[in-house]
């Protein structure tokens, strides 16, 4: 069973100071938001000063919402029935709460990164797993230092698997995200070079992508593309399985292509034998992603 946050636990984890304390410290809270225009069913609001706007100036817009707690960095006006907790850094507070929930989570955590295909892989895996499991995953490509922890705060007591798409635009970003949610299975789909300017060098791109393995669980599994020999310099100490064309673990080959119909038949080679399937999409990315997902499901 997933452990949920309470006012008391949030106070302990963030080391904040009550500006307005809650009426019942043991009350359970879930789901977070940082934009008053998109609160959804969130019960915790995080206010911080962004590049263009300051969330503290919108606190009054929480009135009448489902928000039970506002986590802020400075004194703000009181809002009826909302507790207010002042912390040094609201974004860091969000990270601490997400990390606590992830470490207490008793199900499996799967993280996905790559230069391309992340959102597709996450969506396909969610579709596959949701047929038999309760899965929590990012909405769209909300995969940064805000999106991933906000996703984790959406945990329900009946979730069994978390699938987190993780993005990066520089060194250190995936290291932070991987520390927030230590994974059972981490997937590195591919390493491209289109955004080399943001990373400084090709080597830095590999280093940045490999950070997804930095805080994997000791019993964790790393899934990496077989065709990319450079990535092998950055692999973790944990168990490694390769996917993709020619892989000794989880391989694929397109055995029939119908360009006019945008169809292909792919044969997958797995530890338990071969299996072919019809796919209504063309492109090598299809076989690469699906072989990674087959490896994921097998190891679950």
C-alpha atoms as a PDB file:
ATOM      1  CA  UNK A   1       0.000   0.000   0.000  1.00  0.00           C
ATOM      2  CA  UNK A   2       1.280   3.464  -0.874  1.00  0.00           C
ATOM      3  CA  UNK A   3       1.939   5.810   2.046  1.00  0.00           C
ATOM      4  CA  UNK A   4       0.300   9.223   1.659  1.00  0.00           C
ATOM      5  CA  UNK A   5       1.451  12.579   3.002  1.00  0.00           C
ATOM      6  CA  UNK A   6      -0.072  14.285   6.034  1.00  0.00           C
ATOM      7  CA  UNK A   7       0.251  17.864   7.251  1.00  0.00           C
ATOM      8  CA  UNK A   8       2.539  16.616  10.012  1.00  0.00           C
ATOM      9  CA  UNK A   9       4.792  14.636   7.660  1.00  0.00           C
ATOM     10  CA  UNK A  10       5.025  17.540   5.193  1.00  0.00           C
ATOM     11  CA  UNK A  11       6.028  19.844   8.051  1.00  0.00           C
ATOM     12  CA  UNK A  12       8.739  17.392   9.135  1.00  0.00           C
ATOM     13  CA  UNK A  13      10.116  16.783   5.650  1.00  0.00           C
ATOM     14  CA  UNK A  14      10.268  20.429   4.576  1.00  0.00           C
ATOM     15  CA  UNK A  15      11.388  21.809   7.970  1.00  0.00           C
ATOM     16  CA  UNK A  16       9.043  24.712   7.337  1.00  0.00           C
ATOM     17  CA  UNK A  17       7.283  27.121   9.702  1.00  0.00           C
ATOM     18  CA  UNK A  18       3.519  27.325  10.018  1.00  0.00           C
ATOM     19  CA  UNK A  19       2.129  30.716   9.056  1.00  0.00           C
ATOM     20  CA  UNK A  20      -1.350  29.230   9.430  1.00  0.00           C
ATOM     21  CA  UNK A  21      -1.362  25.734  10.955  1.00  0.00           C
ATOM     22  CA  UNK A  22      -3.828  23.027   9.908  1.00  0.00           C
ATOM     23  CA  UNK A  23      -6.798  22.136  12.071  1.00  0.00           C
ATOM     24  CA  UNK A  24      -5.901  18.435  11.937  1.00  0.00           C
ATOM     25  CA  UNK A  25      -2.209  17.536  11.544  1.00  0.00           C
ATOM     26  CA  UNK A  26      -2.976  13.899  10.708  1.00  0.00           C
ATOM     27  CA  UNK A  27      -5.165  14.732   7.710  1.00  0.00           C
ATOM     28  CA  UNK A  28      -3.929  13.045   4.522  1.00  0.00           C
ATOM     29  CA  UNK A  29      -3.143  15.073   1.410  1.00  0.00           C
ATOM     30  CA  UNK A  30      -2.373  14.167  -2.181  1.00  0.00           C
ATOM     31  CA  UNK A  31      -1.753  15.756  -5.543  1.00  0.00           C
ATOM     32  CA  UNK A  32       0.106  19.017  -6.092  1.00  0.00           C
ATOM     33  CA  UNK A  33      -0.138  22.089  -8.301  1.00  0.00           C
ATOM     34  CA  UNK A  34       1.860  25.256  -8.949  1.00  0.00           C
ATOM     35  CA  UNK A  35      -0.468  27.094 -11.330  1.00  0.00           C
ATOM     36  CA  UNK A  36      -3.769  28.518 -10.025  1.00  0.00           C
ATOM     37  CA  UNK A  37      -5.212  28.193 -13.539  1.00  0.00           C
ATOM     38  CA  UNK A  38      -4.748  24.413 -13.476  1.00  0.00           C
ATOM     39  CA  UNK A  39      -5.396  23.091  -9.980  1.00  0.00           C
ATOM     40  CA  UNK A  40      -7.352  19.977 -10.976  1.00  0.00           C
ATOM     41  CA  UNK A  41      -7.960  17.887  -7.860  1.00  0.00           C
ATOM     42  CA  UNK A  42      -4.734  19.052  -6.163  1.00  0.00           C
ATOM     43  CA  UNK A  43      -4.732  19.553  -2.405  1.00  0.00           C
ATOM     44  CA  UNK A  44      -1.222  21.041  -2.115  1.00  0.00           C
ATOM     45  CA  UNK A  45      -0.187  24.275  -3.817  1.00  0.00           C
ATOM     46  CA  UNK A  46       3.454  25.293  -4.285  1.00  0.00           C
ATOM     47  CA  UNK A  47       4.231  28.995  -4.738  1.00  0.00           C
ATOM     48  CA  UNK A  48       7.567  30.250  -6.023  1.00  0.00           C
ATOM     49  CA  UNK A  49       8.886  33.143  -8.051  1.00  0.00           C
ATOM     50  CA  UNK A  50       9.377  32.094 -11.667  1.00  0.00           C
ATOM     51  CA  UNK A  51      11.119  33.834 -14.534  1.00  0.00           C
ATOM     52  CA  UNK A  52       8.041  35.860 -15.472  1.00  0.00           C
ATOM     53  CA  UNK A  53       5.524  35.444 -12.624  1.00  0.00           C
ATOM     54  CA  UNK A  54       5.448  35.090  -8.849  1.00  0.00           C
ATOM     55  CA  UNK A  55       3.074  32.412  -7.587  1.00  0.00           C
ATOM     56  CA  UNK A  56       2.728  34.195  -4.251  1.00  0.00           C
ATOM     57  CA  UNK A  57       0.683  36.950  -5.892  1.00  0.00           C
ATOM     58  CA  UNK A  58      -2.036  34.462  -6.862  1.00  0.00           C
ATOM     59  CA  UNK A  59      -2.687  32.883  -3.468  1.00  0.00           C
ATOM     60  CA  UNK A  60      -6.119  34.503  -3.221  1.00  0.00           C
ATOM     61  CA  UNK A  61      -7.186  32.573  -6.334  1.00  0.00           C
ATOM     62  CA  UNK A  62      -7.011  29.389  -4.243  1.00  0.00           C
ATOM     63  CA  UNK A  63     -10.193  30.479  -2.494  1.00  0.00           C
ATOM     64  CA  UNK A  64     -12.988  27.977  -3.092  1.00  0.00           C
ATOM     65  CA  UNK A  65     -10.650  25.370  -4.578  1.00  0.00           C
ATOM     66  CA  UNK A  66      -9.763  21.934  -3.211  1.00  0.00           C
ATOM     67  CA  UNK A  67      -6.367  23.157  -1.965  1.00  0.00           C
ATOM     68  CA  UNK A  68      -5.817  22.330   1.709  1.00  0.00           C
ATOM     69  CA  UNK A  69      -2.190  23.460   2.024  1.00  0.00           C
ATOM     70  CA  UNK A  70      -0.131  26.235   0.417  1.00  0.00           C
ATOM     71  CA  UNK A  71       3.646  25.895   0.580  1.00  0.00           C
ATOM     72  CA  UNK A  72       5.228  29.329   0.188  1.00  0.00           C
ATOM     73  CA  UNK A  73       8.560  31.115   0.555  1.00  0.00           C
ATOM     74  CA  UNK A  74       7.290  34.280   2.246  1.00  0.00           C
ATOM     75  CA  UNK A  75       4.325  35.683   4.143  1.00  0.00           C
ATOM     76  CA  UNK A  76       1.080  35.742   2.148  1.00  0.00           C
ATOM     77  CA  UNK A  77      -2.529  36.728   2.958  1.00  0.00           C
ATOM     78  CA  UNK A  78      -4.652  34.124   4.700  1.00  0.00           C
ATOM     79  CA  UNK A  79      -7.153  32.146   2.653  1.00  0.00           C
ATOM     80  CA  UNK A  80     -10.088  30.524   4.396  1.00  0.00           C
ATOM     81  CA  UNK A  81      -9.614  26.826   5.285  1.00  0.00           C
ATOM     82  CA  UNK A  82      -6.103  26.660   3.767  1.00  0.00           C
ATOM     83  CA  UNK A  83      -3.061  25.978   5.939  1.00  0.00           C
ATOM     84  CA  UNK A  84       0.067  27.912   4.953  1.00  0.00           C
ATOM     85  CA  UNK A  85       3.606  26.590   5.429  1.00  0.00           C
ATOM     86  CA  UNK A  86       6.646  28.815   4.859  1.00  0.00           C
ATOM     87  CA  UNK A  87       9.808  27.094   3.569  1.00  0.00           C
ATOM     88  CA  UNK A  88      13.168  28.302   2.290  1.00  0.00           C
ATOM     89  CA  UNK A  89      12.598  26.968  -1.230  1.00  0.00           C
ATOM     90  CA  UNK A  90       9.215  25.715  -2.460  1.00  0.00           C
ATOM     91  CA  UNK A  91      10.642  23.775  -5.415  1.00  0.00           C
ATOM     92  CA  UNK A  92      13.086  21.974  -3.117  1.00  0.00           C
ATOM     93  CA  UNK A  93      10.162  21.228  -0.791  1.00  0.00           C
ATOM     94  CA  UNK A  94       8.306  19.661  -3.728  1.00  0.00           C
ATOM     95  CA  UNK A  95      11.370  17.540  -4.487  1.00  0.00           C
ATOM     96  CA  UNK A  96      11.633  16.355  -0.876  1.00  0.00           C
ATOM     97  CA  UNK A  97       7.984  15.319  -0.743  1.00  0.00           C
ATOM     98  CA  UNK A  98       8.232  13.462  -4.054  1.00  0.00           C
ATOM     99  CA  UNK A  99      11.393  11.696  -2.947  1.00  0.00           C
ATOM    100  CA  UNK A 100       9.732  10.582   0.288  1.00  0.00           C
ATOM    101  CA  UNK A 101       6.732   9.153  -1.559  1.00  0.00           C
ATOM    102  CA  UNK A 102       8.909   7.424  -4.164  1.00  0.00           C
ATOM    103  CA  UNK A 103      11.074   5.765  -1.520  1.00  0.00           C
ATOM    104  CA  UNK A 104       8.028   4.622   0.450  1.00  0.00           C
ATOM    105  CA  UNK A 105       6.290   3.345  -2.677  1.00  0.00           C
ATOM    106  CA  UNK A 106       6.030  -0.457  -2.560  1.00  0.00           C
ATOM    107  CA  UNK A 107       5.413  -0.961  -6.273  1.00  0.00           C
ATOM    108  CA  UNK A 108       7.825  -0.743  -9.193  1.00  0.00           C
ATOM    109  CA  UNK A 109       9.306   2.471 -10.576  1.00  0.00           C
ATOM    110  CA  UNK A 110      10.282   2.659 -14.256  1.00  0.00           C
ATOM    111  CA  UNK A 111      12.145   5.662 -15.652  1.00  0.00           C
ATOM    112  CA  UNK A 112      12.566   6.475 -19.349  1.00  0.00           C
ATOM    113  CA  UNK A 113      14.876   8.924 -21.121  1.00  0.00           C
ATOM    114  CA  UNK A 114      16.471   9.401 -24.530  1.00  0.00           C
ATOM    115  CA  UNK A 115      17.017  12.017 -27.184  1.00  0.00           C
ATOM    116  CA  UNK A 116      13.812  10.950 -28.936  1.00  0.00           C
ATOM    117  CA  UNK A 117      10.825   8.686 -28.390  1.00  0.00           C
ATOM    118  CA  UNK A 118      10.424   9.236 -24.637  1.00  0.00           C
ATOM    119  CA  UNK A 119       6.784  10.274 -24.697  1.00  0.00           C
ATOM    120  CA  UNK A 120       5.882   7.562 -27.204  1.00  0.00           C
ATOM    121  CA  UNK A 121       7.595   4.863 -25.146  1.00  0.00           C
ATOM    122  CA  UNK A 122       5.950   6.068 -21.942  1.00  0.00           C
ATOM    123  CA  UNK A 123       2.511   6.179 -23.580  1.00  0.00           C
ATOM    124  CA  UNK A 124       2.849   2.725 -25.140  1.00  0.00           C
ATOM    125  CA  UNK A 125       4.128   1.196 -21.904  1.00  0.00           C
ATOM    126  CA  UNK A 126       1.311   2.791 -19.948  1.00  0.00           C
ATOM    127  CA  UNK A 127      -1.210   1.351 -22.415  1.00  0.00           C
ATOM    128  CA  UNK A 128       0.322  -2.127 -22.103  1.00  0.00           C
ATOM    129  CA  UNK A 129       0.597  -2.185 -18.317  1.00  0.00           C
ATOM    130  CA  UNK A 130      -2.750  -0.517 -17.598  1.00  0.00           C
ATOM    131  CA  UNK A 131      -4.594  -3.582 -18.873  1.00  0.00           C
ATOM    132  CA  UNK A 132      -3.707  -5.372 -15.642  1.00  0.00           C
ATOM    133  CA  UNK A 133      -2.060  -2.836 -13.273  1.00  0.00           C
ATOM    134  CA  UNK A 134      -2.777   0.566 -11.759  1.00  0.00           C
ATOM    135  CA  UNK A 135      -0.184   2.814 -13.383  1.00  0.00           C
ATOM    136  CA  UNK A 136       0.822   6.390 -12.602  1.00  0.00           C
ATOM    137  CA  UNK A 137       2.659   8.339 -15.298  1.00  0.00           C
ATOM    138  CA  UNK A 138       3.418  11.874 -16.486  1.00  0.00           C
ATOM    139  CA  UNK A 139       0.766  13.773 -18.392  1.00  0.00           C
ATOM    140  CA  UNK A 140       2.043  14.543 -21.902  1.00  0.00           C
ATOM    141  CA  UNK A 141       5.756  15.350 -21.866  1.00  0.00           C
ATOM    142  CA  UNK A 142       5.708  17.002 -18.439  1.00  0.00           C
ATOM    143  CA  UNK A 143       9.107  15.475 -17.700  1.00  0.00           C
ATOM    144  CA  UNK A 144      11.281  18.102 -15.976  1.00  0.00           C
ATOM    145  CA  UNK A 145      12.179  19.001 -12.376  1.00  0.00           C
ATOM    146  CA  UNK A 146       8.613  20.198 -11.833  1.00  0.00           C
ATOM    147  CA  UNK A 147       6.696  17.646 -13.907  1.00  0.00           C
ATOM    148  CA  UNK A 148       8.253  14.507 -12.436  1.00  0.00           C
ATOM    149  CA  UNK A 149       7.742  15.373  -8.738  1.00  0.00           C
ATOM    150  CA  UNK A 150       4.235  16.743  -9.378  1.00  0.00           C
ATOM    151  CA  UNK A 151       3.456  13.408 -11.053  1.00  0.00           C
ATOM    152  CA  UNK A 152       4.698  11.489  -8.013  1.00  0.00           C
ATOM    153  CA  UNK A 153       2.459  13.557  -5.717  1.00  0.00           C
ATOM    154  CA  UNK A 154      -0.516  12.148  -7.650  1.00  0.00           C
ATOM    155  CA  UNK A 155       0.049   8.720  -6.080  1.00  0.00           C
ATOM    156  CA  UNK A 156      -3.024   6.877  -4.842  1.00  0.00           C
ATOM    157  CA  UNK A 157      -2.974   4.044  -2.349  1.00  0.00           C
ATOM    158  CA  UNK A 158      -3.810   1.545  -5.101  1.00  0.00           C
ATOM    159  CA  UNK A 159      -1.087   2.460  -7.619  1.00  0.00           C
ATOM    160  CA  UNK A 160       1.205  -0.463  -8.410  1.00  0.00           C
ATOM    161  CA  UNK A 161       3.624   0.971 -10.981  1.00  0.00           C
ATOM    162  CA  UNK A 162       5.089   4.416 -11.644  1.00  0.00           C
ATOM    163  CA  UNK A 163       6.324   5.150 -15.182  1.00  0.00           C
ATOM    164  CA  UNK A 164       8.280   8.400 -15.325  1.00  0.00           C
ATOM    165  CA  UNK A 165       9.436  10.039 -18.524  1.00  0.00           C
ATOM    166  CA  UNK A 166      12.525  12.117 -17.692  1.00  0.00           C
ATOM    167  CA  UNK A 167      13.965  14.866 -19.870  1.00  0.00           C
ATOM    168  CA  UNK A 168      17.229  16.780 -19.740  1.00  0.00           C
ATOM    169  CA  UNK A 169      18.785  19.803 -21.389  1.00  0.00           C
ATOM    170  CA  UNK A 170      22.108  19.729 -19.561  1.00  0.00           C
ATOM    171  CA  UNK A 171      24.363  17.948 -17.109  1.00  0.00           C
ATOM    172  CA  UNK A 172      22.969  17.320 -13.641  1.00  0.00           C
ATOM    173  CA  UNK A 173      19.263  17.383 -14.512  1.00  0.00           C
ATOM    174  CA  UNK A 174      18.736  13.624 -14.857  1.00  0.00           C
ATOM    175  CA  UNK A 175      20.957  13.056 -11.838  1.00  0.00           C
ATOM    176  CA  UNK A 176      18.510  15.142  -9.813  1.00  0.00           C
ATOM    177  CA  UNK A 177      15.447  13.376 -11.232  1.00  0.00           C
ATOM    178  CA  UNK A 178      16.922   9.903 -10.773  1.00  0.00           C
ATOM    179  CA  UNK A 179      17.742  10.716  -7.131  1.00  0.00           C
ATOM    180  CA  UNK A 180      14.147  11.809  -6.621  1.00  0.00           C
ATOM    181  CA  UNK A 181      12.738   8.469  -7.805  1.00  0.00           C
ATOM    182  CA  UNK A 182      15.243   5.593  -7.495  1.00  0.00           C
ATOM    183  CA  UNK A 183      14.158   3.179 -10.206  1.00  0.00           C
ATOM    184  CA  UNK A 184      13.703  -0.568 -10.479  1.00  0.00           C
ATOM    185  CA  UNK A 185      14.075  -0.334 -14.266  1.00  0.00           C
ATOM    186  CA  UNK A 186      15.720   2.551 -16.150  1.00  0.00           C
ATOM    187  CA  UNK A 187      15.454   2.768 -19.935  1.00  0.00           C
ATOM    188  CA  UNK A 188      17.838   4.793 -22.106  1.00  0.00           C
ATOM    189  CA  UNK A 189      16.223   4.700 -25.536  1.00  0.00           C
ATOM    190  CA  UNK A 190      18.902   6.460 -27.576  1.00  0.00           C
ATOM    191  CA  UNK A 191      21.468   9.258 -27.594  1.00  0.00           C
ATOM    192  CA  UNK A 192      21.231  11.812 -30.390  1.00  0.00           C
ATOM    193  CA  UNK A 193      23.355  14.825 -31.209  1.00  0.00           C
ATOM    194  CA  UNK A 194      20.850  17.400 -32.466  1.00  0.00           C
ATOM    195  CA  UNK A 195      21.138  19.590 -29.341  1.00  0.00           C
ATOM    196  CA  UNK A 196      24.871  19.404 -28.836  1.00  0.00           C
ATOM    197  CA  UNK A 197      24.973  23.176 -28.274  1.00  0.00           C
ATOM    198  CA  UNK A 198      23.033  22.850 -25.011  1.00  0.00           C
ATOM    199  CA  UNK A 199      25.392  20.189 -23.664  1.00  0.00           C
ATOM    200  CA  UNK A 200      28.721  21.532 -24.911  1.00  0.00           C
ATOM    201  CA  UNK A 201      30.053  18.314 -26.425  1.00  0.00           C
ATOM    202  CA  UNK A 202      28.994  14.888 -27.642  1.00  0.00           C
ATOM    203  CA  UNK A 203      30.626  13.350 -24.590  1.00  0.00           C
ATOM    204  CA  UNK A 204      28.503  15.525 -22.326  1.00  0.00           C
ATOM    205  CA  UNK A 205      25.336  14.343 -24.068  1.00  0.00           C
ATOM    206  CA  UNK A 206      26.228  10.745 -23.202  1.00  0.00           C
ATOM    207  CA  UNK A 207      27.155  11.698 -19.665  1.00  0.00           C
ATOM    208  CA  UNK A 208      23.889  13.594 -19.218  1.00  0.00           C
ATOM    209  CA  UNK A 209      21.712  10.749 -20.552  1.00  0.00           C
ATOM    210  CA  UNK A 210      23.547   8.142 -18.471  1.00  0.00           C
ATOM    211  CA  UNK A 211      22.660  10.070 -15.316  1.00  0.00           C
ATOM    212  CA  UNK A 212      19.328   8.251 -15.370  1.00  0.00           C
ATOM    213  CA  UNK A 213      21.218   5.276 -13.905  1.00  0.00           C
ATOM    214  CA  UNK A 214      22.910   7.340 -11.168  1.00  0.00           C
ATOM    215  CA  UNK A 215      20.511   6.515  -8.329  1.00  0.00           C
ATOM    216  CA  UNK A 216      19.012   3.263  -9.518  1.00  0.00           C
ATOM    217  CA  UNK A 217      18.151   0.749  -6.818  1.00  0.00           C
ATOM    218  CA  UNK A 218      20.908  -1.753  -6.082  1.00  0.00           C
ATOM    219  CA  UNK A 219      18.685  -4.462  -7.512  1.00  0.00           C
ATOM    220  CA  UNK A 220      17.771  -2.265 -10.480  1.00  0.00           C
ATOM    221  CA  UNK A 221      17.986  -3.041 -14.189  1.00  0.00           C
ATOM    222  CA  UNK A 222      19.380  -0.807 -16.920  1.00  0.00           C
ATOM    223  CA  UNK A 223      18.002  -1.200 -20.457  1.00  0.00           C
ATOM    224  CA  UNK A 224      20.220   0.264 -23.189  1.00  0.00           C
ATOM    225  CA  UNK A 225      20.370   0.204 -27.016  1.00  0.00           C
ATOM    226  CA  UNK A 226      22.611  -2.557 -28.343  1.00  0.00           C
ATOM    227  CA  UNK A 227      23.770  -0.709 -31.460  1.00  0.00           C
ATOM    228  CA  UNK A 228      25.281   2.222 -29.529  1.00  0.00           C
ATOM    229  CA  UNK A 229      28.736   1.112 -28.439  1.00  0.00           C
ATOM    230  CA  UNK A 230      29.680   4.480 -26.929  1.00  0.00           C
ATOM    231  CA  UNK A 231      27.014   4.261 -24.239  1.00  0.00           C
ATOM    232  CA  UNK A 232      28.718   1.181 -22.844  1.00  0.00           C
ATOM    233  CA  UNK A 233      31.399   3.439 -21.359  1.00  0.00           C
ATOM    234  CA  UNK A 234      28.775   4.965 -19.074  1.00  0.00           C
ATOM    235  CA  UNK A 235      26.823   1.931 -17.926  1.00  0.00           C
ATOM    236  CA  UNK A 236      26.002   1.359 -14.229  1.00  0.00           C
ATOM    237  CA  UNK A 237      27.120  -1.531 -12.049  1.00  0.00           C
ATOM    238  CA  UNK A 238      23.602  -2.938 -11.864  1.00  0.00           C
ATOM    239  CA  UNK A 239      22.207  -5.611 -14.178  1.00  0.00           C
ATOM    240  CA  UNK A 240      22.163  -4.565 -17.852  1.00  0.00           C
ATOM    241  CA  UNK A 241      20.031  -5.867 -20.702  1.00  0.00           C
ATOM    242  CA  UNK A 242      20.386  -4.749 -24.298  1.00  0.00           C
ATOM    243  CA  UNK A 243      17.517  -4.121 -26.687  1.00  0.00           C
ATOM    244  CA  UNK A 244      17.344  -3.280 -30.382  1.00  0.00           C
ATOM    245  CA  UNK A 245      18.550  -4.783 -33.654  1.00  0.00           C
ATOM    246  CA  UNK A 246      21.105  -7.532 -33.160  1.00  0.00           C
ATOM    247  CA  UNK A 247      20.750  -7.555 -29.389  1.00  0.00           C
ATOM    248  CA  UNK A 248      21.573 -10.867 -27.667  1.00  0.00           C
ATOM    249  CA  UNK A 249      18.781 -10.136 -25.175  1.00  0.00           C
ATOM    250  CA  UNK A 250      15.800  -8.464 -26.884  1.00  0.00           C
ATOM    251  CA  UNK A 251      16.131  -8.027 -30.638  1.00  0.00           C
ATOM    252  CA  UNK A 252      13.820  -7.191 -33.529  1.00  0.00           C
ATOM    253  CA  UNK A 253      13.682  -7.282 -37.315  1.00  0.00           C
ATOM    254  CA  UNK A 254      11.104  -5.961 -39.764  1.00  0.00           C
ATOM    255  CA  UNK A 255      10.168  -8.970 -41.919  1.00  0.00           C
ATOM    256  CA  UNK A 256       7.464  -7.329 -44.046  1.00  0.00           C
ATOM    257  CA  UNK A 257       6.932  -3.663 -44.959  1.00  0.00           C
ATOM    258  CA  UNK A 258       3.899  -2.164 -46.718  1.00  0.00           C
ATOM    259  CA  UNK A 259       4.770   1.518 -47.272  1.00  0.00           C
ATOM    260  CA  UNK A 260       1.508   2.449 -48.967  1.00  0.00           C
ATOM    261  CA  UNK A 261      -0.502   1.114 -46.039  1.00  0.00           C
ATOM    262  CA  UNK A 262       1.965   2.399 -43.425  1.00  0.00           C
ATOM    263  CA  UNK A 263       2.231  -1.117 -42.038  1.00  0.00           C
ATOM    264  CA  UNK A 264       4.966  -3.563 -41.099  1.00  0.00           C
ATOM    265  CA  UNK A 265       5.390  -6.963 -39.493  1.00  0.00           C
ATOM    266  CA  UNK A 266       8.115  -7.122 -36.851  1.00  0.00           C
ATOM    267  CA  UNK A 267       9.664 -10.280 -35.487  1.00  0.00           C
ATOM    268  CA  UNK A 268      10.993 -10.054 -31.953  1.00  0.00           C
ATOM    269  CA  UNK A 269      13.653 -12.367 -30.512  1.00  0.00           C
ATOM    270  CA  UNK A 270      13.414 -12.796 -26.735  1.00  0.00           C
ATOM    271  CA  UNK A 271      14.877 -15.121 -24.073  1.00  0.00           C
ATOM    272  CA  UNK A 272      11.757 -17.284 -24.384  1.00  0.00           C
ATOM    273  CA  UNK A 273      11.668 -17.454 -28.183  1.00  0.00           C
ATOM    274  CA  UNK A 274      10.531 -15.531 -31.259  1.00  0.00           C
ATOM    275  CA  UNK A 275       7.230 -13.787 -31.901  1.00  0.00           C
ATOM    276  CA  UNK A 276       6.059 -11.695 -34.833  1.00  0.00           C
ATOM    277  CA  UNK A 277       3.418  -8.981 -34.691  1.00  0.00           C
ATOM    278  CA  UNK A 278       1.640  -6.579 -37.007  1.00  0.00           C
ATOM    279  CA  UNK A 279       2.265  -2.859 -36.414  1.00  0.00           C
ATOM    280  CA  UNK A 280       0.432  -0.031 -38.165  1.00  0.00           C
ATOM    281  CA  UNK A 281       3.415   2.331 -38.034  1.00  0.00           C
ATOM    282  CA  UNK A 282       6.614   2.496 -40.059  1.00  0.00           C
ATOM    283  CA  UNK A 283      10.112   3.397 -38.954  1.00  0.00           C
ATOM    284  CA  UNK A 284      12.943   1.707 -37.109  1.00  0.00           C
ATOM    285  CA  UNK A 285      12.010   3.579 -33.948  1.00  0.00           C
ATOM    286  CA  UNK A 286       8.966   1.308 -33.654  1.00  0.00           C
ATOM    287  CA  UNK A 287      11.011  -1.873 -33.317  1.00  0.00           C
ATOM    288  CA  UNK A 288      13.541  -0.186 -31.045  1.00  0.00           C
ATOM    289  CA  UNK A 289      10.927   1.107 -28.632  1.00  0.00           C
ATOM    290  CA  UNK A 290       8.865  -2.083 -28.626  1.00  0.00           C
ATOM    291  CA  UNK A 291      11.918  -4.263 -27.975  1.00  0.00           C
ATOM    292  CA  UNK A 292      12.735  -2.036 -24.978  1.00  0.00           C
ATOM    293  CA  UNK A 293       9.172  -2.354 -23.705  1.00  0.00           C
ATOM    294  CA  UNK A 294       9.172  -6.140 -24.148  1.00  0.00           C
ATOM    295  CA  UNK A 295      12.352  -6.212 -22.052  1.00  0.00           C
ATOM    296  CA  UNK A 296      10.663  -4.041 -19.443  1.00  0.00           C
ATOM    297  CA  UNK A 297       7.561  -6.214 -19.187  1.00  0.00           C
ATOM    298  CA  UNK A 298       9.649  -9.388 -19.062  1.00  0.00           C
ATOM    299  CA  UNK A 299      11.657  -8.034 -16.125  1.00  0.00           C
ATOM    300  CA  UNK A 300       8.578  -6.879 -14.273  1.00  0.00           C
END
